[in-house]
């Protein structure tokens, strides 16, 4: 019973009958390892972003993973930071929901017709970025944010380390190879 209450607090399962144009929904994929996002635009149709681009598909096709038809969940906007921190990544955001449902559906259709949301990138431009952008005007993916933050930190640490190694090598004669001892190379003696 506690699990059922928690699942209702943190994620909302929706049926096709409950969907309205402009809804940002997601399904769990690959045994719940990640979530796949899209915008419902009405009449049983979803627009989502995949490796092949912005795609319009039937709702059943969006939900299908192999032979299984996955449940749909409603993506939550405007979560408090505390509630966001205790919710599974890829299911909600702290961003406010400012656009009307019609504006959201129109933005998804526009991006589909224009054929563009940029090149798909798992960490920096994926289906959650697409759906969140349609809803808020901001590209955000909470399920990949941690990985991107780590990547940025690694780049900064690497740049810092290289900078200090260069400074060290330019000021330390042992690293530079200036030991102060005259080297007698057999090649130099032959000349």
Protein backbone atom coordinates (compact mmCIF):
# COMPACT_ATOMS: atom_id res chain seq x y z
CA UNK A 1 0.00 0.00 0.00
CA UNK A 2 2.84 2.42 0.82
CA UNK A 3 4.39 1.82 -2.61
CA UNK A 4 1.07 2.64 -4.29
CA UNK A 5 0.76 5.91 -2.34
CA UNK A 6 4.37 6.89 -3.14
CA UNK A 7 3.91 6.15 -6.84
CA UNK A 8 0.86 8.42 -6.91
CA UNK A 9 2.75 11.20 -5.15
CA UNK A 10 5.82 11.09 -7.38
CA UNK A 11 4.57 10.03 -10.82
CA UNK A 12 1.15 10.28 -12.39
CA UNK A 13 0.06 7.53 -14.76
CA UNK A 14 -2.30 8.84 -17.44
CA UNK A 15 -4.55 7.11 -19.93
CA UNK A 16 -5.20 8.17 -23.51
CA UNK A 17 -8.64 9.42 -22.49
CA UNK A 18 -7.07 11.80 -19.94
CA UNK A 19 -4.55 13.29 -22.39
CA UNK A 20 -5.04 16.78 -23.74
CA UNK A 21 -3.11 18.48 -26.56
CA UNK A 22 0.06 20.07 -25.16
CA UNK A 23 0.62 17.45 -22.44
CA UNK A 24 4.25 16.46 -21.86
CA UNK A 25 4.26 12.74 -21.20
CA UNK A 26 6.93 10.06 -20.87
CA UNK A 27 7.29 6.30 -20.74
CA UNK A 28 9.89 4.21 -18.97
CA UNK A 29 12.23 2.36 -21.32
CA UNK A 30 14.70 -0.48 -21.04
CA UNK A 31 13.51 -1.86 -17.71
CA UNK A 32 13.04 1.63 -16.28
CA UNK A 33 16.64 2.70 -16.87
CA UNK A 34 15.58 5.88 -18.66
CA UNK A 35 12.50 7.78 -19.79
CA UNK A 36 11.36 8.70 -23.30
CA UNK A 37 9.49 12.01 -23.69
CA UNK A 38 7.09 13.58 -26.12
CA UNK A 39 4.27 16.09 -26.57
CA UNK A 40 0.73 14.87 -27.12
CA UNK A 41 -0.84 16.94 -29.94
CA UNK A 42 -4.29 15.36 -30.03
CA UNK A 43 -6.16 12.67 -31.97
CA UNK A 44 -3.93 9.89 -30.65
CA UNK A 45 -0.76 11.56 -31.98
CA UNK A 46 2.58 12.26 -30.30
CA UNK A 47 5.51 14.40 -31.45
CA UNK A 48 8.86 13.40 -30.03
CA UNK A 49 12.56 13.75 -30.76
CA UNK A 50 14.64 10.70 -31.70
CA UNK A 51 17.97 9.96 -33.35
CA UNK A 52 16.27 10.39 -36.73
CA UNK A 53 14.84 13.81 -35.84
CA UNK A 54 11.50 15.27 -34.75
CA UNK A 55 8.97 12.54 -35.40
CA UNK A 56 5.16 12.40 -35.38
CA UNK A 57 3.77 9.01 -34.40
CA UNK A 58 0.68 7.31 -33.02
CA UNK A 59 0.32 7.11 -29.26
CA UNK A 60 0.58 3.30 -29.25
CA UNK A 61 3.82 3.51 -31.27
CA UNK A 62 5.23 6.00 -28.74
CA UNK A 63 4.33 3.68 -25.85
CA UNK A 64 5.59 0.51 -27.50
CA UNK A 65 8.92 -1.03 -26.55
CA UNK A 66 9.30 -4.27 -28.43
CA UNK A 67 6.14 -6.25 -27.76
CA UNK A 68 5.26 -4.31 -24.59
CA UNK A 69 2.98 -1.31 -24.42
CA UNK A 70 4.42 0.93 -21.68
CA UNK A 71 2.26 3.13 -19.45
CA UNK A 72 2.21 6.89 -19.94
CA UNK A 73 3.21 9.27 -17.17
CA UNK A 74 2.58 12.98 -16.85
CA UNK A 75 5.74 15.11 -16.56
CA UNK A 76 5.50 17.54 -13.62
CA UNK A 77 6.46 21.22 -13.81
CA UNK A 78 7.08 23.73 -11.03
CA UNK A 79 8.21 21.23 -8.41
CA UNK A 80 9.80 22.66 -5.29
CA UNK A 81 13.53 22.02 -5.06
CA UNK A 82 13.06 19.66 -2.11
CA UNK A 83 10.39 17.61 -3.85
CA UNK A 84 12.44 17.65 -7.08
CA UNK A 85 15.50 16.28 -5.25
CA UNK A 86 13.50 13.31 -3.93
CA UNK A 87 11.87 12.46 -7.26
CA UNK A 88 13.28 10.19 -9.91
CA UNK A 89 15.23 12.08 -12.59
CA UNK A 90 13.49 12.49 -15.92
CA UNK A 91 10.02 12.77 -14.36
CA UNK A 92 9.77 16.42 -13.31
CA UNK A 93 11.44 19.83 -13.24
CA UNK A 94 11.55 22.96 -11.13
CA UNK A 95 10.89 25.04 -14.26
CA UNK A 96 7.52 26.81 -14.26
CA UNK A 97 4.85 25.82 -16.77
CA UNK A 98 4.16 29.16 -18.49
CA UNK A 99 2.78 28.24 -21.92
CA UNK A 100 -0.82 27.37 -22.74
CA UNK A 101 -1.47 23.81 -23.94
CA UNK A 102 -2.25 25.16 -27.43
CA UNK A 103 1.11 27.01 -27.56
CA UNK A 104 2.90 23.81 -26.54
CA UNK A 105 1.18 21.70 -29.22
CA UNK A 106 1.81 24.42 -31.82
CA UNK A 107 5.53 24.58 -30.94
CA UNK A 108 5.85 20.78 -31.26
CA UNK A 109 4.06 20.87 -34.65
CA UNK A 110 6.24 23.77 -35.82
CA UNK A 111 9.45 21.93 -34.91
CA UNK A 112 8.15 18.80 -36.64
CA UNK A 113 7.15 20.65 -39.83
CA UNK A 114 10.41 22.61 -39.89
CA UNK A 115 12.23 19.34 -39.39
CA UNK A 116 14.52 20.64 -36.78
CA UNK A 117 15.57 20.66 -33.21
CA UNK A 118 19.24 20.29 -34.01
CA UNK A 119 21.25 17.12 -34.03
CA UNK A 120 20.24 14.48 -31.50
CA UNK A 121 22.71 14.10 -28.64
CA UNK A 122 21.96 11.77 -25.75
CA UNK A 123 23.32 14.17 -23.14
CA UNK A 124 22.88 17.65 -24.61
CA UNK A 125 19.89 17.50 -27.00
CA UNK A 126 17.50 14.61 -26.43
CA UNK A 127 13.75 13.91 -26.25
CA UNK A 128 13.41 15.45 -22.77
CA UNK A 129 15.18 18.62 -23.95
CA UNK A 130 12.68 18.74 -26.85
CA UNK A 131 9.53 18.28 -24.77
CA UNK A 132 10.70 20.68 -22.04
CA UNK A 133 11.59 23.27 -24.68
CA UNK A 134 8.12 23.00 -26.24
CA UNK A 135 6.56 23.52 -22.80
CA UNK A 136 8.86 26.23 -21.36
CA UNK A 137 11.18 27.60 -24.05
CA UNK A 138 14.16 26.19 -22.10
CA UNK A 139 16.13 23.10 -23.18
CA UNK A 140 16.48 20.95 -20.09
CA UNK A 141 16.91 17.27 -19.35
CA UNK A 142 16.91 16.38 -15.68
CA UNK A 143 17.82 12.76 -16.39
CA UNK A 144 21.10 13.75 -18.10
CA UNK A 145 21.91 16.91 -16.11
CA UNK A 146 24.09 15.06 -13.60
CA UNK A 147 26.19 13.48 -16.35
CA UNK A 148 26.59 16.83 -18.11
CA UNK A 149 27.60 18.51 -14.84
CA UNK A 150 30.23 15.80 -14.27
CA UNK A 151 31.50 16.21 -17.82
CA UNK A 152 31.91 19.97 -17.28
CA UNK A 153 33.75 19.42 -13.97
CA UNK A 154 36.09 16.89 -15.61
CA UNK A 155 36.89 19.39 -18.38
CA UNK A 156 37.63 22.12 -15.80
CA UNK A 157 39.86 19.83 -13.72
CA UNK A 158 41.71 18.69 -16.85
CA UNK A 159 42.28 22.31 -17.98
CA UNK A 160 43.47 23.26 -14.47
CA UNK A 161 45.86 20.29 -14.30
CA UNK A 162 47.31 20.97 -17.76
CA UNK A 163 47.81 24.64 -16.92
CA UNK A 164 49.68 23.82 -13.72
CA UNK A 165 51.77 21.12 -15.38
CA UNK A 166 52.84 23.63 -18.05
CA UNK A 167 53.73 26.20 -15.39
CA UNK A 168 55.63 23.60 -13.44
CA UNK A 169 57.52 22.34 -16.47
CA UNK A 170 58.52 25.84 -17.54
CA UNK A 171 59.88 26.75 -14.09
CA UNK A 172 61.52 23.48 -12.98
CA UNK A 173 64.87 22.79 -14.72
CA UNK A 174 64.67 19.04 -13.99
CA UNK A 175 61.36 18.75 -15.85
CA UNK A 176 62.65 21.02 -18.62
CA UNK A 177 65.70 18.81 -18.98
CA UNK A 178 68.19 21.46 -17.76
CA UNK A 179 70.04 19.47 -15.10
CA UNK A 180 73.06 21.72 -15.25
CA UNK A 181 75.24 18.73 -16.18
CA UNK A 182 76.82 18.80 -19.56
CA UNK A 183 75.57 15.90 -21.61
CA UNK A 184 78.05 13.92 -23.63
CA UNK A 185 76.14 12.39 -26.44
CA UNK A 186 77.95 9.81 -28.59
CA UNK A 187 76.47 11.52 -31.64
CA UNK A 188 77.85 14.88 -30.54
CA UNK A 189 81.31 13.39 -30.02
CA UNK A 190 81.37 11.93 -33.55
CA UNK A 191 80.72 15.28 -35.14
